[in-house]
Amino acid sequence: MKRANLPGKWELHKFRKTGATLHYAGGKGVPLATISQWLGHSSLQMTEIYLDVKSTAPAQEHIQHMIGAGALAAHV
């Protein structure tokens, strides 16, 4: 993260959650059941809570904006 000059505090867990959110794509991407298996969750409900399914659309838009602006282009 230092090498990419990304602001803020970054931990490995953030990448796990961001990756899952990107794959879920607000319900338009990889099925929730598949993501749940990838993450090793014991239930779909746990994955819904983890991804905060109700608020993934704004997060997804923000991430896509950052990619479009080149902020994450080298890391996708």
N, C-alpha and C. Protein backbone atom coordinates (compact mmCIF):
# COMPACT_ATOMS: atom_id res chain seq x y z
N MET A 1 0.82 -1.18 0.00
CA MET A 1 0.00 0.00 0.00
C MET A 1 0.87 1.25 0.00
N LYS A 2 1.99 1.18 0.70
CA LYS A 2 2.89 2.33 0.72
C LYS A 2 3.42 2.60 -0.68
N ARG A 3 3.79 1.53 -1.38
CA ARG A 3 4.34 1.67 -2.72
C ARG A 3 3.32 2.25 -3.70
N ALA A 4 2.03 1.94 -3.47
CA ALA A 4 0.97 2.45 -4.34
C ALA A 4 0.50 3.83 -3.90
N ASN A 5 1.03 4.32 -2.79
CA ASN A 5 0.65 5.63 -2.25
C ASN A 5 -0.85 5.76 -1.99
N LEU A 6 -1.46 4.67 -1.51
CA LEU A 6 -2.88 4.72 -1.18
C LEU A 6 -3.03 5.28 0.23
N PRO A 7 -3.92 6.24 0.38
CA PRO A 7 -4.08 6.87 1.69
C PRO A 7 -4.82 5.96 2.68
N GLY A 8 -4.68 6.26 3.93
CA GLY A 8 -5.43 5.54 4.96
C GLY A 8 -4.70 4.33 5.48
N LYS A 9 -5.34 3.70 6.45
CA LYS A 9 -4.78 2.50 7.06
C LYS A 9 -5.36 1.28 6.35
N TRP A 10 -4.50 0.42 5.84
CA TRP A 10 -4.93 -0.76 5.10
C TRP A 10 -4.49 -2.02 5.82
N GLU A 11 -5.39 -2.96 5.94
CA GLU A 11 -5.09 -4.25 6.53
C GLU A 11 -5.52 -5.33 5.54
N LEU A 12 -4.98 -6.52 5.67
CA LEU A 12 -5.32 -7.60 4.74
C LEU A 12 -6.82 -7.87 4.72
N HIS A 13 -7.48 -7.74 5.84
CA HIS A 13 -8.92 -8.00 5.89
C HIS A 13 -9.69 -7.07 4.95
N LYS A 14 -9.21 -5.84 4.81
CA LYS A 14 -9.87 -4.89 3.90
C LYS A 14 -9.86 -5.41 2.47
N PHE A 15 -8.75 -6.02 2.07
CA PHE A 15 -8.65 -6.56 0.71
C PHE A 15 -9.61 -7.73 0.53
N ARG A 16 -9.73 -8.56 1.55
CA ARG A 16 -10.65 -9.70 1.51
C ARG A 16 -12.08 -9.21 1.31
N LYS A 17 -12.47 -8.23 2.10
CA LYS A 17 -13.83 -7.71 2.03
C LYS A 17 -14.06 -6.95 0.71
N THR A 18 -13.10 -6.15 0.29
CA THR A 18 -13.23 -5.42 -0.98
C THR A 18 -13.32 -6.39 -2.15
N GLY A 19 -12.49 -7.44 -2.13
CA GLY A 19 -12.55 -8.44 -3.20
C GLY A 19 -13.91 -9.12 -3.26
N ALA A 20 -14.45 -9.47 -2.10
CA ALA A 20 -15.77 -10.11 -2.06
C ALA A 20 -16.84 -9.14 -2.56
N THR A 21 -16.73 -7.88 -2.14
CA THR A 21 -17.70 -6.86 -2.58
C THR A 21 -17.64 -6.66 -4.09
N LEU A 22 -16.44 -6.60 -4.64
CA LEU A 22 -16.30 -6.44 -6.09
C LEU A 22 -16.88 -7.63 -6.85
N HIS A 23 -16.64 -8.82 -6.35
CA HIS A 23 -17.18 -10.01 -7.01
C HIS A 23 -18.70 -10.06 -6.90
N TYR A 24 -19.24 -9.62 -5.78
CA TYR A 24 -20.69 -9.62 -5.59
C TYR A 24 -21.35 -8.58 -6.49
N ALA A 25 -20.73 -7.44 -6.65
CA ALA A 25 -21.19 -6.38 -7.55
C ALA A 25 -22.65 -6.03 -7.34
N GLY A 26 -23.03 -5.83 -6.10
CA GLY A 26 -24.39 -5.41 -5.79
C GLY A 26 -25.44 -6.41 -6.24
N GLY A 27 -25.09 -7.68 -6.28
CA GLY A 27 -26.03 -8.72 -6.68
C GLY A 27 -26.02 -9.02 -8.17
N LYS A 28 -25.16 -8.32 -8.92
CA LYS A 28 -25.11 -8.50 -10.38
C LYS A 28 -23.93 -9.35 -10.82
N GLY A 29 -23.13 -9.79 -9.86
CA GLY A 29 -21.91 -10.54 -10.19
C GLY A 29 -22.00 -11.98 -9.74
N VAL A 30 -20.99 -12.41 -9.03
CA VAL A 30 -20.90 -13.78 -8.53
C VAL A 30 -22.02 -14.00 -7.50
N PRO A 31 -22.72 -15.13 -7.57
CA PRO A 31 -23.79 -15.40 -6.61
C PRO A 31 -23.30 -15.37 -5.16
N LEU A 32 -24.14 -14.90 -4.29
CA LEU A 32 -23.82 -14.79 -2.87
C LEU A 32 -23.40 -16.14 -2.28
N ALA A 33 -24.04 -17.22 -2.71
CA ALA A 33 -23.70 -18.56 -2.21
C ALA A 33 -22.25 -18.92 -2.54
N THR A 34 -21.80 -18.56 -3.72
CA THR A 34 -20.43 -18.85 -4.13
C THR A 34 -19.44 -18.04 -3.29
N ILE A 35 -19.73 -16.77 -3.12
CA ILE A 35 -18.86 -15.92 -2.31
C ILE A 35 -18.82 -16.43 -0.88
N SER A 36 -19.95 -16.87 -0.37
CA SER A 36 -20.03 -17.41 0.97
C SER A 36 -19.10 -18.62 1.12
N GLN A 37 -19.08 -19.47 0.11
CA GLN A 37 -18.17 -20.63 0.12
C GLN A 37 -16.73 -20.18 0.08
N TRP A 38 -16.41 -19.23 -0.79
CA TRP A 38 -15.04 -18.71 -0.89
C TRP A 38 -14.54 -18.21 0.45
N LEU A 39 -15.42 -17.50 1.16
CA LEU A 39 -15.03 -16.88 2.42
C LEU A 39 -15.05 -17.86 3.59
N GLY A 40 -15.66 -19.03 3.36
CA GLY A 40 -15.73 -20.03 4.42
C GLY A 40 -16.79 -19.74 5.46
N HIS A 41 -17.79 -18.96 5.07
CA HIS A 41 -18.87 -18.64 6.01
C HIS A 41 -19.80 -19.84 6.17
N SER A 42 -20.40 -19.94 7.35
CA SER A 42 -21.28 -21.07 7.64
C SER A 42 -22.70 -20.87 7.14
N SER A 43 -23.05 -19.64 6.72
CA SER A 43 -24.40 -19.40 6.22
C SER A 43 -24.41 -18.20 5.27
N LEU A 44 -25.46 -18.15 4.43
CA LEU A 44 -25.62 -17.00 3.54
C LEU A 44 -25.90 -15.74 4.35
N GLN A 45 -26.61 -15.90 5.46
CA GLN A 45 -26.92 -14.76 6.30
C GLN A 45 -25.63 -14.10 6.81
N MET A 46 -24.66 -14.92 7.19
CA MET A 46 -23.38 -14.38 7.66
C MET A 46 -22.71 -13.57 6.54
N THR A 47 -22.77 -14.08 5.31
CA THR A 47 -22.17 -13.38 4.18
C THR A 47 -22.91 -12.09 3.88
N GLU A 48 -24.23 -12.11 3.98
CA GLU A 48 -25.02 -10.89 3.77
C GLU A 48 -24.62 -9.82 4.78
N ILE A 49 -24.43 -10.22 6.02
CA ILE A 49 -24.02 -9.27 7.06
C ILE A 49 -22.61 -8.79 6.79
N TYR A 50 -21.71 -9.71 6.44
CA TYR A 50 -20.31 -9.38 6.17
C TYR A 50 -20.19 -8.36 5.04
N LEU A 51 -20.93 -8.58 3.96
CA LEU A 51 -20.87 -7.68 2.81
C LEU A 51 -21.75 -6.46 3.00
N ASP A 52 -22.57 -6.46 4.07
CA ASP A 52 -23.54 -5.40 4.29
C ASP A 52 -24.30 -5.16 2.99
N VAL A 53 -24.96 -6.22 2.54
CA VAL A 53 -25.64 -6.26 1.24
C VAL A 53 -26.50 -5.03 0.98
N LYS A 54 -27.11 -4.48 2.00
CA LYS A 54 -27.98 -3.32 1.81
C LYS A 54 -27.22 -2.07 1.40
N SER A 55 -25.93 -2.03 1.68
CA SER A 55 -25.17 -0.82 1.35
C SER A 55 -24.05 -1.07 0.34
N THR A 56 -24.06 -2.20 -0.35
CA THR A 56 -22.97 -2.48 -1.30
C THR A 56 -23.02 -1.62 -2.55
N ALA A 57 -24.18 -1.15 -2.96
CA ALA A 57 -24.28 -0.34 -4.17
C ALA A 57 -23.43 0.93 -4.08
N PRO A 58 -23.54 1.73 -3.01
CA PRO A 58 -22.68 2.92 -2.92
C PRO A 58 -21.20 2.56 -2.86
N ALA A 59 -20.86 1.50 -2.14
CA ALA A 59 -19.46 1.08 -2.06
C ALA A 59 -18.94 0.66 -3.43
N GLN A 60 -19.76 -0.08 -4.15
CA GLN A 60 -19.39 -0.54 -5.49
C GLN A 60 -19.16 0.65 -6.42
N GLU A 61 -20.05 1.64 -6.36
CA GLU A 61 -19.90 2.83 -7.20
C GLU A 61 -18.61 3.57 -6.87
N HIS A 62 -18.29 3.68 -5.59
CA HIS A 62 -17.06 4.35 -5.17
C HIS A 62 -15.83 3.63 -5.70
N ILE A 63 -15.80 2.32 -5.56
CA ILE A 63 -14.67 1.52 -6.03
C ILE A 63 -14.52 1.66 -7.55
N GLN A 64 -15.63 1.58 -8.27
CA GLN A 64 -15.57 1.71 -9.73
C GLN A 64 -15.08 3.10 -10.14
N HIS A 65 -15.48 4.13 -9.39
CA HIS A 65 -15.01 5.49 -9.66
C HIS A 65 -13.50 5.58 -9.47
N MET A 66 -12.99 4.97 -8.39
CA MET A 66 -11.56 4.99 -8.12
C MET A 66 -10.78 4.27 -9.22
N ILE A 67 -11.33 3.15 -9.68
CA ILE A 67 -10.68 2.42 -10.77
C ILE A 67 -10.67 3.26 -12.03
N GLY A 68 -11.81 3.88 -12.35
CA GLY A 68 -11.91 4.73 -13.54
C GLY A 68 -10.98 5.93 -13.48
N ALA A 69 -10.77 6.45 -12.28
CA ALA A 69 -9.91 7.61 -12.11
C ALA A 69 -8.42 7.23 -12.11
N GLY A 70 -8.16 5.93 -12.14
CA GLY A 70 -6.78 5.47 -12.16
C GLY A 70 -6.18 5.22 -10.79
N ALA A 71 -6.96 5.48 -9.73
CA ALA A 71 -6.44 5.32 -8.38
C ALA A 71 -6.14 3.87 -8.05
N LEU A 72 -6.89 2.93 -8.64
CA LEU A 72 -6.66 1.52 -8.37
C LEU A 72 -6.30 0.75 -9.63
N ALA A 73 -6.14 1.44 -10.74
CA ALA A 73 -5.94 0.77 -12.02
C ALA A 73 -4.76 -0.19 -12.01
N ALA A 74 -3.69 0.15 -11.33
CA ALA A 74 -2.52 -0.73 -11.32
C ALA A 74 -2.70 -1.93 -10.41
N HIS A 75 -3.80 -1.95 -9.67
CA HIS A 75 -3.98 -2.99 -8.68
C HIS A 75 -5.17 -3.90 -8.99
N VAL A 76 -5.76 -3.74 -10.13
CA VAL A 76 -6.94 -4.54 -10.51
C VAL A 76 -6.50 -5.67 -11.41
